C-alpha atoms as a PDB file:
ATOM      1  CA  MET A   1     -29.665   4.412  -1.067  1.00  0.00           C
ATOM      2  CA  TYR A   2     -27.116   3.948  -4.243  1.00  0.00           C
ATOM      3  CA  PHE A   3     -27.313   7.700  -5.419  1.00  0.00           C
ATOM      4  CA  LEU A   4     -26.476   8.601  -1.516  1.00  0.00           C
ATOM      5  CA  ILE A   5     -23.494   5.974  -1.388  1.00  0.00           C
ATOM      6  CA  LYS A   6     -22.062   7.256  -4.629  1.00  0.00           C
ATOM      7  CA  SER A   7     -22.416  11.092  -3.465  1.00  0.00           C
ATOM      8  CA  LEU A   8     -20.483  10.233  -0.095  1.00  0.00           C
ATOM      9  CA  HIS A   9     -17.929   7.989  -2.563  1.00  0.00           C
ATOM     10  CA  VAL A  10     -17.357  11.015  -4.450  1.00  0.00           C
ATOM     11  CA  LEU A  11     -17.148  13.460  -1.909  1.00  0.00           C
ATOM     12  CA  PHE A  12     -14.796  11.507  -0.390  1.00  0.00           C
ATOM     13  CA  VAL A  13     -12.838  10.777  -3.399  1.00  0.00           C
ATOM     14  CA  MET A  14     -12.872  14.792  -4.386  1.00  0.00           C
ATOM     15  CA  ALA A  15     -11.151  15.620  -0.621  1.00  0.00           C
ATOM     16  CA  TRP A  16      -8.417  12.506  -0.937  1.00  0.00           C
ATOM     17  CA  VAL A  17      -7.443  14.343  -4.437  1.00  0.00           C
ATOM     18  CA  ALA A  18      -7.745  17.823  -2.995  1.00  0.00           C
ATOM     19  CA  THR A  19      -4.500  16.257  -0.708  1.00  0.00           C
ATOM     20  CA  VAL A  20      -2.972  14.499  -3.612  1.00  0.00           C
ATOM     21  CA  PHE A  21      -2.830  17.753  -5.057  1.00  0.00           C
ATOM     22  CA  TYR A  22      -1.695  19.772  -2.122  1.00  0.00           C
ATOM     23  CA  LEU A  23       1.206  18.025  -0.287  1.00  0.00           C
ATOM     24  CA  PRO A  24       3.305  18.468  -2.956  1.00  0.00           C
ATOM     25  CA  ARG A  25       2.786  22.173  -3.388  1.00  0.00           C
ATOM     26  CA  ILE A  26       3.415  22.097   0.513  1.00  0.00           C
ATOM     27  CA  LEU A  27       6.859  19.844  -0.342  1.00  0.00           C
ATOM     28  CA  VAL A  28       7.774  22.886  -2.871  1.00  0.00           C
ATOM     29  CA  ASN A  29       7.583  25.374  -0.631  1.00  0.00           C
ATOM     30  CA  LEU A  30       9.483  23.632   2.241  1.00  0.00           C
ATOM     31  CA  ALA A  31      12.223  22.976  -0.258  1.00  0.00           C
ATOM     32  CA  GLU A  32      12.072  26.643  -0.574  1.00  0.00           C
ATOM     33  CA  ALA A  33      11.904  27.578   2.761  1.00  0.00           C
ATOM     34  CA  GLY A  34      15.513  26.038   2.980  1.00  0.00           C
ATOM     35  CA  GLU A  35      16.907  26.606   6.847  1.00  0.00           C
ATOM     36  CA  VAL A  36      14.364  28.990   8.007  1.00  0.00           C
ATOM     37  CA  PRO A  37      12.932  26.899  11.311  1.00  0.00           C
ATOM     38  CA  LEU A  38       9.672  28.921  11.834  1.00  0.00           C
ATOM     39  CA  ILE A  39       8.530  28.761   8.162  1.00  0.00           C
ATOM     40  CA  SER A  40      10.071  24.987   7.912  1.00  0.00           C
ATOM     41  CA  GLU A  41       8.377  23.412  11.056  1.00  0.00           C
ATOM     42  CA  ARG A  42       4.834  25.426  10.273  1.00  0.00           C
ATOM     43  CA  LEU A  43       4.911  23.582   6.780  1.00  0.00           C
ATOM     44  CA  GLN A  44       6.057  20.458   8.084  1.00  0.00           C
ATOM     45  CA  LEU A  45       3.056  20.264  10.914  1.00  0.00           C
ATOM     46  CA  MET A  46       0.846  21.638   7.647  1.00  0.00           C
ATOM     47  CA  GLY A  47       1.986  18.416   5.354  1.00  0.00           C
ATOM     48  CA  LYS A  48       1.812  16.014   8.440  1.00  0.00           C
ATOM     49  CA  ARG A  49      -1.840  17.000   9.191  1.00  0.00           C
ATOM     50  CA  LEU A  50      -3.259  16.945   5.615  1.00  0.00           C
ATOM     51  CA  TYR A  51      -1.194  13.765   5.140  1.00  0.00           C
ATOM     52  CA  LYS A  52      -3.212  12.492   8.076  1.00  0.00           C
ATOM     53  CA  PHE A  53      -6.584  13.800   6.463  1.00  0.00           C
ATOM     54  CA  GLY A  54      -5.694  12.164   2.852  1.00  0.00           C
ATOM     55  CA  HIS A  55      -5.637   9.091   4.209  1.00  0.00           C
ATOM     56  CA  ILE A  56      -8.580   9.179   6.243  1.00  0.00           C
ATOM     57  CA  MET A  57     -10.410  10.797   3.017  1.00  0.00           C
ATOM     58  CA  PHE A  58      -8.740   7.759   0.900  1.00  0.00           C
ATOM     59  CA  GLY A  59     -10.338   5.255   3.268  1.00  0.00           C
ATOM     60  CA  LEU A  60     -13.723   6.206   3.324  1.00  0.00           C
ATOM     61  CA  ALA A  61     -13.837   6.707  -0.326  1.00  0.00           C
ATOM     62  CA  PHE A  62     -12.510   3.276  -0.752  1.00  0.00           C
ATOM     63  CA  LEU A  63     -15.193   2.079   1.636  1.00  0.00           C
ATOM     64  CA  PHE A  64     -17.941   3.383  -0.155  1.00  0.00           C
ATOM     65  CA  GLY A  65     -16.482   2.356  -3.299  1.00  0.00           C
ATOM     66  CA  LEU A  66     -16.195  -1.209  -2.175  1.00  0.00           C
ATOM     67  CA  TRP A  67     -20.065  -0.701  -1.028  1.00  0.00           C
ATOM     68  CA  LEU A  68     -20.705   0.361  -4.328  1.00  0.00           C
ATOM     69  CA  TRP A  69     -18.809  -2.317  -5.930  1.00  0.00           C
ATOM     70  CA  PHE A  70     -20.486  -5.572  -3.685  1.00  0.00           C
ATOM     71  CA  VAL A  71     -23.849  -4.214  -3.054  1.00  0.00           C
ATOM     72  CA  PHE A  72     -25.092  -2.607  -6.085  1.00  0.00           C
ATOM     73  CA  GLY A  73     -22.554  -4.637  -8.652  1.00  0.00           C
ATOM     74  CA  MET A  74     -20.981  -1.455 -10.184  1.00  0.00           C
ATOM     75  CA  GLY A  75     -18.281  -2.740 -12.412  1.00  0.00           C
ATOM     76  CA  GLY A  76     -16.600  -3.959 -16.006  1.00  0.00           C
ATOM     77  CA  GLN A  77     -13.329  -4.205 -17.308  1.00  0.00           C
ATOM     78  CA  TRP A  78     -13.022  -0.149 -17.054  1.00  0.00           C
ATOM     79  CA  LEU A  79     -13.073  -0.405 -13.199  1.00  0.00           C
ATOM     80  CA  TYR A  80     -10.100  -2.690 -13.554  1.00  0.00           C
ATOM     81  CA  ALA A  81      -8.224   0.013 -15.231  1.00  0.00           C
ATOM     82  CA  LYS A  82      -8.932   2.614 -13.103  1.00  0.00           C
ATOM     83  CA  LEU A  83      -8.224   0.872  -9.841  1.00  0.00           C
ATOM     84  CA  ALA A  84      -4.446   0.074 -11.526  1.00  0.00           C
ATOM     85  CA  LEU A  85      -4.632   4.413 -11.927  1.00  0.00           C
ATOM     86  CA  VAL A  86      -6.074   5.038  -8.557  1.00  0.00           C
ATOM     87  CA  ALA A  87      -3.141   2.421  -6.767  1.00  0.00           C
ATOM     88  CA  LEU A  88      -0.614   4.422  -8.894  1.00  0.00           C
ATOM     89  CA  VAL A  89      -2.443   7.943  -7.417  1.00  0.00           C
ATOM     90  CA  LEU A  90      -1.783   6.404  -3.866  1.00  0.00           C
ATOM     91  CA  ALA A  91       1.533   5.302  -4.409  1.00  0.00           C
ATOM     92  CA  TYR A  92       2.288   8.675  -5.492  1.00  0.00           C
ATOM     93  CA  PHE A  93       0.530  10.242  -2.166  1.00  0.00           C
ATOM     94  CA  ILE A  94       2.385   8.152  -0.036  1.00  0.00           C
ATOM     95  CA  VAL A  95       6.029   8.624  -1.221  1.00  0.00           C
ATOM     96  CA  CYS A  96       5.080  12.340  -0.926  1.00  0.00           C
ATOM     97  CA  GLY A  97       4.290  11.745   2.229  1.00  0.00           C
ATOM     98  CA  ARG A  98       7.467   9.938   3.287  1.00  0.00           C
ATOM     99  CA  MET A  99       9.433  12.583   1.065  1.00  0.00           C
ATOM    100  CA  LEU A 100       7.575  14.896   4.138  1.00  0.00           C
ATOM    101  CA  LYS A 101       8.936  12.641   7.081  1.00  0.00           C
ATOM    102  CA  GLN A 102      12.674  13.142   5.638  1.00  0.00           C
ATOM    103  CA  GLY A 103      12.143  16.751   5.953  1.00  0.00           C
ATOM    104  CA  ALA A 104      13.781  19.781   4.154  1.00  0.00           C
ATOM    105  CA  SER A 105      17.228  18.841   4.445  1.00  0.00           C
ATOM    106  CA  ALA A 106      16.396  15.404   1.962  1.00  0.00           C
ATOM    107  CA  LEU A 107      14.332  16.866  -0.372  1.00  0.00           C
ATOM    108  CA  PRO A 108      14.792  17.359  -4.128  1.00  0.00           C
ATOM    109  CA  SER A 109      15.097  21.035  -5.613  1.00  0.00           C
ATOM    110  CA  SER A 110      12.122  22.707  -5.836  1.00  0.00           C
ATOM    111  CA  LYS A 111      11.736  22.799  -9.455  1.00  0.00           C
ATOM    112  CA  ARG A 112      11.903  18.727  -9.388  1.00  0.00           C
ATOM    113  CA  LEU A 113       9.061  19.106  -7.192  1.00  0.00           C
ATOM    114  CA  ARG A 114       7.040  21.210  -9.113  1.00  0.00           C
ATOM    115  CA  LEU A 115       7.327  18.803 -12.159  1.00  0.00           C
ATOM    116  CA  MET A 116       6.322  16.032  -9.956  1.00  0.00           C
ATOM    117  CA  ASN A 117       3.142  18.082  -8.920  1.00  0.00           C
ATOM    118  CA  GLU A 118       1.760  17.562 -12.338  1.00  0.00           C
ATOM    119  CA  LEU A 119       2.224  14.337 -12.244  1.00  0.00           C
ATOM    120  CA  PRO A 120      -1.722  13.232 -10.299  1.00  0.00           C
ATOM    121  CA  ILE A 121      -3.103  15.868 -13.079  1.00  0.00           C
ATOM    122  CA  LEU A 122      -3.149  13.773 -15.723  1.00  0.00           C
ATOM    123  CA  LEU A 123      -3.576  10.451 -13.881  1.00  0.00           C
ATOM    124  CA  VAL A 124      -6.500  11.804 -12.426  1.00  0.00           C
ATOM    125  CA  LEU A 125      -7.598  13.458 -15.846  1.00  0.00           C
ATOM    126  CA  ALA A 126      -7.432   9.435 -16.603  1.00  0.00           C
ATOM    127  CA  ILE A 127      -9.418   8.177 -14.145  1.00  0.00           C
ATOM    128  CA  ILE A 128     -12.321  10.632 -14.720  1.00  0.00           C
ATOM    129  CA  TYR A 129     -12.096   9.604 -18.141  1.00  0.00           C
ATOM    130  CA  LEU A 130     -12.518   5.998 -17.518  1.00  0.00           C
ATOM    131  CA  VAL A 131     -15.191   6.594 -14.858  1.00  0.00           C
ATOM    132  CA  LEU A 132     -17.537   8.801 -17.361  1.00  0.00           C
ATOM    133  CA  ALA A 133     -17.146   7.152 -20.644  1.00  0.00           C
ATOM    134  CA  LYS A 134     -16.359   3.297 -19.408  1.00  0.00           C
ATOM    135  CA  PRO A 135     -14.865   2.765 -22.583  1.00  0.00           C
ATOM    136  CA  PHE A 136     -14.960  -1.148 -22.089  1.00  0.00           C
END
């Protein structure tokens, strides 16, 4: 049972992280589309669906993670550092979702969005390190 729950947790984490990586890319395309209505509308729709899907995947990953923590006693000091980084990635994801809701006219430049797109990679790398190495 432990490996099934852990596998489901990892699966939903992977799906959520995919949305975290792709949503800013949609924002970049939206900023570059400018005032082209068909492209802008399509990107808005894709972004909204992806954002909703990401929230569902995060919720499922969180539930299976809680299950691991409570039932199987997973944890240690590294877990608190990991959860802090996960909270930062979640905040980043929510900020991207709010930028999407504001629309193309309120977005920063595509160059700034491209730079912003790199932040979750560093955070996810730190999370992976904490999970694998359990340094403390």
